[in-house]
C-alpha cells in the first residue's frame, strides 16, 4: 500500500506521451551541463586536463603560423620597395700601353752626336730634348748642312702634335708631297707642309728668323729650333728657342 501514489488535486499527474520526456526528466537534463567537447557515443573522451592542454597547443600553433605569415609578408614588401643596385659590368681587362720606343737615343741638353757621325752633308741623327717648360722629352734631330753648319730642330710640329719627318728620298717628296726638290727637306705628314732648311723664315716671337722656311703647305712657322754647338768631337744640344 505504501507504493500507491496519492492523488493530489492541485498537482494532477501528467499524461505519459511516447517520445516526449516527462517534466522531471526535462528538469534533470537541464540541470546537468553538456560536456565539451561533446561526447559522442562510442568515442574515447580525453581527460579534462588533456582537453585544456590540447586547446592551448592549438592556439599557440595558430599564433605561430599567423606571426610567420606576417613576418614573411613584411620581408617581401621591404625587398620589393628597395631599389635594386645596378649590376656592375665585368671590368674590361687593362691593356698596358707600351712605352714609346726611344732606341736608347741620347738626351739633350748635352752631347747628342759626334762629328764623325755627322761628317757628310745632309747626314742627320735623332735625339731627345727635354722640354724646359713641361720637362717632357720631345723627339728632335740634328742635320749637318752643306756649309758645315749643324742645325737642330724639334720634330714636333709647332702648335700641334704631329711628328715631322726628315725626307732624304727626293722621289718620296714628289709622290707623297707633290713637291720637287734637289736636296732633302723636312715635311709634315699631317698637313703636307714642306720646310726647307736652306732658307730662313719668321719663327721667334721677337721677330727673329729660323731655318726651315715654309715652301709648301699651310704650316704656321718653321720647326722649333734647338741651338747646337761643338766641343772637340762632341755635337752638343744646348737649348731650344
Protein backbone atom coordinates (compact mmCIF):
# COMPACT_ATOMS: atom_id res chain seq x y z
CA UNK A 1 0.00 0.00 0.00
CA UNK A 2 2.87 2.33 0.53
CA UNK A 3 3.80 2.17 -3.21
CA UNK A 4 0.46 3.62 -4.32
CA UNK A 5 0.77 7.32 -5.12
CA UNK A 6 -1.75 9.58 -3.54
CA UNK A 7 -3.86 11.71 -5.79
CA UNK A 8 -3.27 15.43 -5.32
CA UNK A 9 -5.96 17.61 -6.71
CA UNK A 10 -3.61 20.59 -7.02
CA UNK A 11 -0.90 18.59 -8.77
CA UNK A 12 -2.58 16.32 -11.22
CA UNK A 13 -0.41 13.61 -12.78
CA UNK A 14 0.88 14.42 -16.25
CA UNK A 15 -0.12 12.14 -19.05
CA UNK A 16 2.58 9.84 -20.50
CA UNK A 17 3.19 10.52 -24.24
CA UNK A 18 5.53 8.20 -26.07
CA UNK A 19 8.75 10.01 -27.27
CA UNK A 20 8.18 13.05 -25.05
CA UNK A 21 10.17 13.19 -21.79
CA UNK A 22 8.34 13.88 -18.61
CA UNK A 23 8.72 17.13 -16.72
CA UNK A 24 11.00 15.51 -14.14
CA UNK A 25 13.33 14.17 -16.82
CA UNK A 26 13.49 17.60 -18.57
CA UNK A 27 14.48 19.29 -15.36
CA UNK A 28 17.24 16.76 -14.75
CA UNK A 29 18.63 17.19 -18.29
CA UNK A 30 18.62 21.00 -18.00
CA UNK A 31 20.41 20.91 -14.67
CA UNK A 32 23.30 18.76 -15.98
CA UNK A 33 25.65 20.81 -18.33
CA UNK A 34 26.61 19.20 -21.64
CA UNK A 35 30.29 18.18 -21.63
CA UNK A 36 32.76 19.85 -24.13
CA UNK A 37 33.82 18.56 -26.48
CA UNK A 38 30.52 16.80 -26.87
CA UNK A 39 30.58 13.16 -26.02
CA UNK A 40 29.59 11.02 -28.93
CA UNK A 41 28.51 7.51 -28.35
CA UNK A 42 31.41 5.09 -28.73
CA UNK A 43 34.13 7.82 -28.88
CA UNK A 44 37.06 7.77 -26.46
CA UNK A 45 36.96 11.00 -24.46
CA UNK A 46 40.23 12.56 -23.16
CA UNK A 47 40.52 13.57 -19.57
CA UNK A 48 39.55 17.11 -18.66
CA UNK A 49 43.22 18.23 -18.16
CA UNK A 50 44.37 16.93 -21.54
CA UNK A 51 41.49 18.69 -23.30
CA UNK A 52 42.59 22.07 -21.89
CA UNK A 53 46.21 21.45 -22.91
CA UNK A 54 45.06 20.50 -26.41
CA UNK A 55 43.23 23.78 -26.89
CA UNK A 56 46.24 25.75 -25.57
CA UNK A 57 48.56 23.95 -28.04
CA UNK A 58 46.19 24.63 -30.93
CA UNK A 59 46.01 28.32 -30.01
CA UNK A 60 49.82 28.58 -29.79
CA UNK A 61 50.27 26.87 -33.17
CA UNK A 62 47.79 29.26 -34.75
CA UNK A 63 49.63 32.24 -33.29
CA UNK A 64 52.96 30.95 -34.64
CA UNK A 65 51.52 30.43 -38.11
CA UNK A 66 49.98 33.90 -38.15
CA UNK A 67 53.21 35.51 -36.91
CA UNK A 68 55.27 33.69 -39.54
CA UNK A 69 52.92 34.86 -42.28
CA UNK A 70 53.16 38.48 -41.12
CA UNK A 71 56.99 38.28 -40.96
CA UNK A 72 57.26 36.81 -44.49
CA UNK A 73 54.86 39.44 -45.87
CA UNK A 74 56.89 42.22 -44.25
CA UNK A 75 60.17 40.92 -45.72
CA UNK A 76 58.65 40.59 -49.18
CA UNK A 77 57.25 44.13 -49.10
CA UNK A 78 60.58 45.55 -47.91
CA UNK A 79 62.51 43.74 -50.64
CA UNK A 80 60.15 44.99 -53.35
CA UNK A 81 60.24 48.59 -52.10
CA UNK A 82 64.05 48.80 -52.06
CA UNK A 83 65.62 49.72 -55.44
CA UNK A 84 67.95 47.13 -56.82
CA UNK A 85 71.58 48.10 -57.07
CA UNK A 86 72.76 48.28 -60.67
CA UNK A 87 74.72 45.24 -61.74
CA UNK A 88 78.26 46.26 -62.49
CA UNK A 89 79.56 45.14 -65.84
CA UNK A 90 82.57 42.94 -65.86
CA UNK A 91 85.65 45.10 -65.84
CA UNK A 92 87.44 45.10 -69.16
CA UNK A 93 90.97 43.77 -69.00
CA UNK A 94 93.51 46.54 -68.61
CA UNK A 95 95.88 46.68 -71.53
CA UNK A 96 99.09 48.42 -70.65
CA UNK A 97 100.34 50.67 -73.38
CA UNK A 98 103.89 50.06 -74.44
CA UNK A 99 106.28 52.93 -73.82
CA UNK A 100 107.46 54.85 -76.82
CA UNK A 101 110.43 53.25 -78.44
CA UNK A 102 113.33 55.63 -77.81
CA UNK A 103 116.01 53.34 -79.31
CA UNK A 104 118.34 54.45 -76.50
CA UNK A 105 118.57 57.87 -78.06
CA UNK A 106 120.84 60.48 -76.48
CA UNK A 107 119.10 63.16 -74.43
CA UNK A 108 119.78 66.87 -74.52
CA UNK A 109 120.72 69.31 -73.23
CA UNK A 110 124.11 67.66 -73.57
CA UNK A 111 126.12 65.72 -76.16
CA UNK A 112 123.84 64.11 -78.71
CA UNK A 113 126.26 63.09 -81.52
CA UNK A 114 129.85 63.21 -82.72
CA UNK A 115 131.40 64.99 -85.65
CA UNK A 116 132.35 61.59 -87.05
CA UNK A 117 128.70 60.52 -87.18
CA UNK A 118 127.80 63.75 -88.95
CA UNK A 119 130.81 64.05 -91.27
CA UNK A 120 128.86 64.23 -94.55
CA UNK A 121 126.47 66.90 -95.82
CA UNK A 122 122.81 66.13 -95.06
CA UNK A 123 123.77 63.45 -92.56
CA UNK A 124 121.42 63.51 -89.60
CA UNK A 125 120.80 61.91 -86.20
CA UNK A 126 117.73 61.68 -83.98
CA UNK A 127 117.85 62.54 -80.28
CA UNK A 128 115.54 63.55 -77.44
CA UNK A 129 115.40 67.01 -75.93
CA UNK A 130 113.90 67.82 -72.57
CA UNK A 131 111.24 70.47 -72.84
CA UNK A 132 112.23 73.30 -70.45
CA UNK A 133 108.58 74.11 -69.71
CA UNK A 134 106.98 70.72 -69.08
CA UNK A 135 110.18 68.68 -68.58
CA UNK A 136 108.92 66.22 -71.21
CA UNK A 137 111.20 64.53 -73.68
CA UNK A 138 110.41 65.56 -77.24
CA UNK A 139 111.82 63.97 -80.41
CA UNK A 140 114.41 66.09 -82.18
CA UNK A 141 117.01 65.91 -84.95
CA UNK A 142 120.35 67.44 -85.84
CA UNK A 143 121.41 67.82 -89.51
CA UNK A 144 124.79 68.76 -90.98
CA UNK A 145 124.19 71.26 -93.75
CA UNK A 146 126.40 71.56 -96.90
CA UNK A 147 128.25 74.59 -95.50
CA UNK A 148 129.39 72.62 -92.41
CA UNK A 149 126.81 74.08 -90.03
CA UNK A 150 124.84 71.86 -87.64
CA UNK A 151 121.17 72.61 -87.35
CA UNK A 152 118.95 71.14 -84.64
CA UNK A 153 115.17 71.30 -84.51
CA UNK A 154 112.22 69.70 -82.79
CA UNK A 155 110.37 67.00 -84.71
CA UNK A 156 107.12 68.02 -83.02
CA UNK A 157 105.21 70.37 -85.30
CA UNK A 158 104.78 73.92 -83.93
CA UNK A 159 101.50 74.29 -82.04
CA UNK A 160 100.47 70.70 -82.85
CA UNK A 161 101.02 67.03 -82.12
CA UNK A 162 102.10 65.67 -85.50
CA UNK A 163 105.68 64.44 -85.79
CA UNK A 164 107.72 65.89 -88.61
CA UNK A 165 109.91 63.72 -90.82
CA UNK A 166 113.27 64.32 -92.45
CA UNK A 167 112.88 63.21 -96.06
CA UNK A 168 116.05 62.44 -97.99
CA UNK A 169 114.28 60.49 -100.74
CA UNK A 170 113.50 63.09 -103.43
CA UNK A 171 111.07 60.70 -105.16
CA UNK A 172 109.07 60.45 -101.95
CA UNK A 173 108.85 64.22 -101.81
CA UNK A 174 107.42 64.19 -105.31
CA UNK A 175 104.96 61.33 -104.88
CA UNK A 176 103.82 61.88 -101.28
CA UNK A 177 104.02 65.67 -101.07
CA UNK A 178 103.76 66.71 -104.72
CA UNK A 179 106.91 68.77 -104.29
CA UNK A 180 110.03 68.74 -106.47
CA UNK A 181 113.33 69.40 -104.68
CA UNK A 182 117.04 68.97 -105.28
CA UNK A 183 118.03 68.32 -101.66
CA UNK A 184 116.43 66.77 -98.53
CA UNK A 185 113.52 68.53 -96.86
CA UNK A 186 111.58 68.42 -93.60
CA UNK A 187 107.91 67.62 -94.09
CA UNK A 188 104.71 67.38 -92.06
CA UNK A 189 102.73 64.21 -92.98
CA UNK A 190 99.56 65.59 -91.38
CA UNK A 191 99.28 68.97 -93.13
CA UNK A 192 101.56 68.15 -96.10
CA UNK A 193 103.68 71.20 -95.31
CA UNK A 194 107.26 71.18 -96.62
CA UNK A 195 110.10 73.06 -94.86
CA UNK A 196 113.43 73.98 -96.48
CA UNK A 197 116.41 74.02 -94.07
CA UNK A 198 118.42 76.05 -96.55
CA UNK A 199 116.10 79.02 -96.17
CA UNK A 200 115.15 81.17 -93.21
CA UNK A 201 111.65 82.12 -92.20
CA UNK A 202 109.92 84.02 -89.44
CA UNK A 203 109.87 81.95 -86.29
CA UNK A 204 110.68 83.62 -82.99
CA UNK A 205 108.08 85.83 -81.33
CA UNK A 206 110.57 88.71 -81.18
CA UNK A 207 110.76 88.91 -84.95
CA UNK A 208 113.80 86.64 -85.35
CA UNK A 209 114.31 84.23 -88.22
CA UNK A 210 114.67 80.46 -88.12
CA UNK A 211 115.88 77.87 -90.61
CA UNK A 212 113.17 75.85 -92.28
CA UNK A 213 111.10 78.35 -94.20
CA UNK A 214 107.75 77.03 -95.43
CA UNK A 215 107.90 76.34 -99.17
CA UNK A 216 104.60 74.48 -99.44
CA UNK A 217 101.54 73.88 -97.29
CA UNK A 218 99.63 75.58 -94.51
CA UNK A 219 102.17 75.39 -91.68
CA UNK A 220 102.25 78.19 -89.13
CA UNK A 221 106.01 78.67 -88.85
CA UNK A 222 109.35 76.84 -89.30
CA UNK A 223 110.18 73.97 -86.91
CA UNK A 224 111.21 74.89 -83.35
CA UNK A 225 114.98 75.44 -83.42
CA UNK A 226 117.46 73.88 -80.98
CA UNK A 227 120.84 75.56 -80.57
CA UNK A 228 123.75 73.28 -81.48
CA UNK A 229 127.43 73.71 -80.55
CA UNK A 230 130.54 71.60 -80.96
CA UNK A 231 133.25 70.83 -78.45
CA UNK A 232 136.07 68.74 -79.87
CA UNK A 233 134.30 65.78 -81.49
CA UNK A 234 131.10 66.24 -79.48
CA UNK A 235 128.00 67.78 -81.01
CA UNK A 236 126.03 69.32 -78.14
CA UNK A 237 122.37 70.37 -77.97
CA UNK A 238 122.25 73.46 -75.80
CA UNK A 239 118.77 74.93 -75.64
CA UNK A 240 115.57 75.35 -77.62
CA UNK A 241 114.10 78.65 -78.71
